[in-house]
Structure formats: C-alpha cells, structure tokens
C-alpha cells in the first residue's frame, strides 16, 4: 500500500466508503468516528493526509483542523474537509 491517511467521520457508512475508495487508489487508511478520537489517534509521522467530515458532534471538523494547523509540527499535513449536507 501507499501513504497512510486518517479518515474522521461520525458516520460508519461514510468511513467504510471512503476507506474503500482510498484503498482502490493505493492508500492505507486509519478511520475514527469523532474529532476527539482524531486528536488522540492522529500521528503526523504516520498520516500524510487527513480526510474529515465537517459536521460532527462534540469536536467538529473545523476545530480539529484548527488544532492541526496551529501546531508547527503538524501544520504541513493537508486536511481535506467534506460534508454530506444538513443545513449548509
């Protein structure tokens, strides 16, 4: 497999779908279900990209992205945000 990515989505179906899509493109993926879990499991030496749902209960995608980008050790990691709708 290629580079490892982190998927963050509170929807299990979304995590499964994105993991399969990325695997087909040659990426290895870890998947978590919340912003809180993302902040614990994110490893900049391991994860080359973060794919994250924008709207999640608890710590949302915007806050996780903000924390990643505020840290000089992780601000170079690309974060790709997505949403499945729901009021935007």
N, C-alpha and C. Protein backbone atom coordinates (compact mmCIF):
# COMPACT_ATOMS: atom_id res chain seq x y z
N UNK A 1 0.83 -1.20 0.00
CA UNK A 1 0.00 0.00 0.00
C UNK A 1 0.88 1.26 0.00
N UNK A 2 0.24 2.38 -0.32
CA UNK A 2 0.95 3.65 -0.38
C UNK A 2 0.90 4.38 0.94
N UNK A 3 0.81 5.70 0.86
CA UNK A 3 0.81 6.55 2.04
C UNK A 3 -0.40 6.26 2.92
N UNK A 4 -0.23 6.45 4.22
CA UNK A 4 -1.32 6.23 5.18
C UNK A 4 -2.03 7.56 5.41
N UNK A 5 -3.37 7.47 5.47
CA UNK A 5 -4.20 8.64 5.72
C UNK A 5 -5.09 8.38 6.93
N UNK A 6 -5.65 9.45 7.49
CA UNK A 6 -6.59 9.34 8.59
C UNK A 6 -7.95 9.82 8.11
N UNK A 7 -8.97 8.99 8.30
CA UNK A 7 -10.35 9.33 7.96
C UNK A 7 -11.08 9.62 9.27
N UNK A 8 -11.79 10.75 9.32
CA UNK A 8 -12.55 11.13 10.51
C UNK A 8 -13.98 11.40 10.07
N UNK A 9 -14.90 10.54 10.51
CA UNK A 9 -16.31 10.70 10.13
C UNK A 9 -17.18 10.00 11.17
N UNK A 10 -18.19 10.68 11.67
CA UNK A 10 -19.07 10.08 12.67
C UNK A 10 -20.04 9.08 12.06
N UNK A 11 -20.11 9.02 10.73
CA UNK A 11 -20.99 8.10 10.03
C UNK A 11 -20.20 6.86 9.58
N UNK A 12 -20.56 5.70 10.11
CA UNK A 12 -19.84 4.46 9.80
C UNK A 12 -19.85 4.15 8.31
N UNK A 13 -20.97 4.38 7.64
CA UNK A 13 -21.05 4.11 6.21
C UNK A 13 -20.07 4.99 5.44
N UNK A 14 -19.98 6.24 5.84
CA UNK A 14 -19.03 7.16 5.20
C UNK A 14 -17.59 6.72 5.39
N UNK A 15 -17.26 6.26 6.59
CA UNK A 15 -15.89 5.78 6.85
C UNK A 15 -15.58 4.57 5.98
N UNK A 16 -16.51 3.64 5.90
CA UNK A 16 -16.29 2.42 5.10
C UNK A 16 -16.12 2.79 3.62
N UNK A 17 -17.00 3.62 3.12
CA UNK A 17 -16.95 4.01 1.72
C UNK A 17 -15.62 4.70 1.39
N UNK A 18 -15.24 5.68 2.19
CA UNK A 18 -14.02 6.43 1.92
C UNK A 18 -12.78 5.54 2.05
N UNK A 19 -12.79 4.66 3.02
CA UNK A 19 -11.66 3.73 3.19
C UNK A 19 -11.51 2.85 1.94
N UNK A 20 -12.62 2.34 1.42
CA UNK A 20 -12.58 1.51 0.21
C UNK A 20 -12.12 2.31 -1.01
N UNK A 21 -12.62 3.51 -1.14
CA UNK A 21 -12.24 4.37 -2.26
C UNK A 21 -10.75 4.67 -2.22
N UNK A 22 -10.24 4.99 -1.05
CA UNK A 22 -8.82 5.29 -0.92
C UNK A 22 -7.95 4.05 -1.13
N UNK A 23 -8.42 2.90 -0.68
CA UNK A 23 -7.68 1.65 -0.89
C UNK A 23 -7.55 1.37 -2.39
N UNK A 24 -8.61 1.62 -3.15
CA UNK A 24 -8.56 1.41 -4.59
C UNK A 24 -7.54 2.34 -5.25
N UNK A 25 -7.31 3.49 -4.63
CA UNK A 25 -6.34 4.46 -5.15
C UNK A 25 -4.93 4.19 -4.61
N UNK A 26 -4.79 3.14 -3.78
CA UNK A 26 -3.47 2.75 -3.30
C UNK A 26 -3.09 3.30 -1.94
N UNK A 27 -4.06 3.82 -1.19
CA UNK A 27 -3.77 4.39 0.12
C UNK A 27 -4.20 3.43 1.24
N UNK A 28 -3.44 3.44 2.30
CA UNK A 28 -3.77 2.72 3.52
C UNK A 28 -4.47 3.73 4.43
N UNK A 29 -5.54 3.35 5.12
CA UNK A 29 -6.29 4.33 5.91
C UNK A 29 -6.61 3.81 7.30
N UNK A 30 -6.46 4.71 8.27
CA UNK A 30 -6.99 4.50 9.61
C UNK A 30 -8.28 5.32 9.66
N UNK A 31 -9.28 4.84 10.38
CA UNK A 31 -10.55 5.55 10.45
C UNK A 31 -11.01 5.68 11.90
N UNK A 32 -11.48 6.88 12.24
CA UNK A 32 -12.01 7.15 13.58
C UNK A 32 -13.37 7.82 13.45
N UNK A 33 -14.14 7.79 14.54
CA UNK A 33 -15.53 8.24 14.46
C UNK A 33 -15.82 9.58 15.11
N UNK A 34 -14.79 10.28 15.61
CA UNK A 34 -15.06 11.57 16.25
C UNK A 34 -13.84 12.47 16.19
N UNK A 35 -14.09 13.75 16.38
CA UNK A 35 -12.99 14.71 16.45
C UNK A 35 -12.08 14.44 17.63
N UNK A 36 -12.68 14.06 18.75
CA UNK A 36 -11.88 13.75 19.94
C UNK A 36 -10.93 12.60 19.67
N UNK A 37 -11.45 11.55 19.04
CA UNK A 37 -10.63 10.39 18.72
C UNK A 37 -9.55 10.75 17.69
N UNK A 38 -9.88 11.62 16.76
CA UNK A 38 -8.90 12.06 15.77
C UNK A 38 -7.71 12.73 16.43
N UNK A 39 -7.99 13.58 17.40
CA UNK A 39 -6.89 14.29 18.08
C UNK A 39 -6.00 13.34 18.86
N UNK A 40 -6.55 12.24 19.33
CA UNK A 40 -5.76 11.24 20.06
C UNK A 40 -4.98 10.36 19.09
N UNK A 41 -5.61 9.94 18.01
CA UNK A 41 -5.00 8.94 17.10
C UNK A 41 -4.15 9.53 15.98
N UNK A 42 -4.31 10.83 15.69
CA UNK A 42 -3.54 11.47 14.62
C UNK A 42 -2.06 11.43 14.94
N UNK A 43 -1.27 10.92 13.99
CA UNK A 43 0.18 10.83 14.15
C UNK A 43 0.84 11.45 12.91
N UNK A 44 1.41 12.64 13.05
CA UNK A 44 1.97 13.32 11.88
C UNK A 44 3.11 12.55 11.21
N UNK A 45 3.82 11.73 11.96
CA UNK A 45 4.89 10.94 11.36
C UNK A 45 4.34 9.75 10.57
N UNK A 46 3.07 9.47 10.75
CA UNK A 46 2.42 8.32 10.11
C UNK A 46 1.40 8.74 9.05
N UNK A 47 0.54 9.71 9.38
CA UNK A 47 -0.55 10.12 8.50
C UNK A 47 -0.10 11.26 7.59
N UNK A 48 -0.23 11.05 6.29
CA UNK A 48 0.20 12.04 5.31
C UNK A 48 -0.91 13.02 4.94
N UNK A 49 -2.17 12.61 5.13
CA UNK A 49 -3.35 13.43 4.82
C UNK A 49 -4.45 13.07 5.80
N UNK A 50 -5.30 14.05 6.13
CA UNK A 50 -6.48 13.81 6.95
C UNK A 50 -7.71 14.13 6.11
N UNK A 51 -8.61 13.15 5.99
CA UNK A 51 -9.91 13.35 5.34
C UNK A 51 -10.94 13.41 6.45
N UNK A 52 -11.68 14.53 6.54
CA UNK A 52 -12.50 14.73 7.72
C UNK A 52 -13.87 15.34 7.40
N UNK A 53 -14.89 14.78 8.05
CA UNK A 53 -16.23 15.32 7.97
C UNK A 53 -16.24 16.68 8.68
N UNK A 54 -16.92 17.63 8.09
CA UNK A 54 -17.01 18.97 8.66
C UNK A 54 -17.88 19.00 9.91
N UNK A 55 -19.04 18.36 9.83
CA UNK A 55 -20.01 18.44 10.92
C UNK A 55 -20.08 17.13 11.68
N UNK A 56 -19.61 17.17 12.92
CA UNK A 56 -19.65 16.00 13.80
C UNK A 56 -20.04 16.49 15.19
N UNK A 57 -20.69 15.64 15.98
CA UNK A 57 -20.98 16.03 17.37
C UNK A 57 -19.68 16.16 18.17
N UNK A 58 -19.74 16.92 19.24
CA UNK A 58 -18.52 17.12 20.04
C UNK A 58 -17.58 18.06 19.32
N UNK A 59 -16.32 17.68 19.21
CA UNK A 59 -15.35 18.49 18.49
C UNK A 59 -15.56 18.28 17.00
N UNK A 60 -15.94 19.35 16.30
CA UNK A 60 -16.25 19.22 14.88
C UNK A 60 -14.98 19.30 14.03
N UNK A 61 -15.15 19.11 12.73
CA UNK A 61 -14.02 19.10 11.81
C UNK A 61 -13.26 20.42 11.77
N UNK A 62 -13.96 21.52 11.91
CA UNK A 62 -13.31 22.83 11.89
C UNK A 62 -12.34 22.95 13.06
N UNK A 63 -12.76 22.54 14.24
CA UNK A 63 -11.91 22.63 15.43
C UNK A 63 -10.70 21.70 15.32
N UNK A 64 -10.91 20.49 14.82
CA UNK A 64 -9.78 19.56 14.65
C UNK A 64 -8.78 20.15 13.66
N UNK A 65 -9.27 20.67 12.55
CA UNK A 65 -8.40 21.28 11.55
C UNK A 65 -7.63 22.46 12.16
N UNK A 66 -8.32 23.28 12.90
CA UNK A 66 -7.68 24.43 13.55
C UNK A 66 -6.53 23.97 14.45
N UNK A 67 -6.75 22.93 15.23
CA UNK A 67 -5.70 22.43 16.12
C UNK A 67 -4.52 21.85 15.36
N UNK A 68 -4.80 21.16 14.27
CA UNK A 68 -3.72 20.61 13.43
C UNK A 68 -2.90 21.75 12.84
N UNK A 69 -3.56 22.77 12.33
CA UNK A 69 -2.88 23.87 11.65
C UNK A 69 -2.19 24.84 12.61
N UNK A 70 -2.61 24.90 13.86
CA UNK A 70 -1.95 25.76 14.85
C UNK A 70 -0.63 25.18 15.35
N UNK A 71 -0.46 23.88 15.21
CA UNK A 71 0.73 23.21 15.71
C UNK A 71 1.82 23.24 14.64
N UNK A 72 2.98 23.86 14.92
CA UNK A 72 4.06 23.92 13.93
C UNK A 72 4.53 22.54 13.46
N UNK A 73 4.37 21.53 14.28
CA UNK A 73 4.81 20.18 13.91
C UNK A 73 3.83 19.47 12.99
N UNK A 74 2.59 19.97 12.90
CA UNK A 74 1.59 19.29 12.08
C UNK A 74 0.96 20.19 11.02
N UNK A 75 1.28 21.47 11.01
CA UNK A 75 0.60 22.40 10.10
C UNK A 75 0.85 22.10 8.63
N UNK A 76 1.84 21.29 8.30
CA UNK A 76 2.13 20.95 6.90
C UNK A 76 1.25 19.80 6.38
N UNK A 77 0.52 19.13 7.28
CA UNK A 77 -0.31 17.99 6.88
C UNK A 77 -1.58 18.51 6.19
N UNK A 78 -1.85 18.07 4.96
CA UNK A 78 -3.09 18.50 4.29
C UNK A 78 -4.33 17.93 4.98
N UNK A 79 -5.35 18.76 5.09
CA UNK A 79 -6.65 18.34 5.65
C UNK A 79 -7.71 18.58 4.58
N UNK A 80 -8.39 17.51 4.20
CA UNK A 80 -9.47 17.60 3.21
C UNK A 80 -10.78 17.46 3.96
N UNK A 81 -11.60 18.51 3.90
CA UNK A 81 -12.87 18.54 4.61
C UNK A 81 -14.00 18.20 3.64
N UNK A 82 -14.99 17.46 4.15
CA UNK A 82 -16.17 17.14 3.36
C UNK A 82 -17.39 17.21 4.25
N UNK A 83 -18.54 17.31 3.62
CA UNK A 83 -19.80 17.29 4.35
C UNK A 83 -20.85 16.59 3.48
N UNK A 84 -21.80 16.03 4.17
CA UNK A 84 -22.88 15.33 3.46
C UNK A 84 -24.16 16.15 3.51
N UNK A 85 -24.03 17.43 3.76
CA UNK A 85 -25.20 18.30 3.79
C UNK A 85 -25.70 18.52 5.20
N UNK A 86 -26.94 18.84 5.34
CA UNK A 86 -27.53 19.02 6.65
C UNK A 86 -27.55 20.46 7.11
N UNK A 87 -27.92 21.37 6.24
CA UNK A 87 -28.13 22.73 6.70
C UNK A 87 -27.12 23.76 6.24
N UNK A 88 -26.20 23.39 5.41
CA UNK A 88 -25.26 24.41 4.92
C UNK A 88 -25.86 25.16 3.76
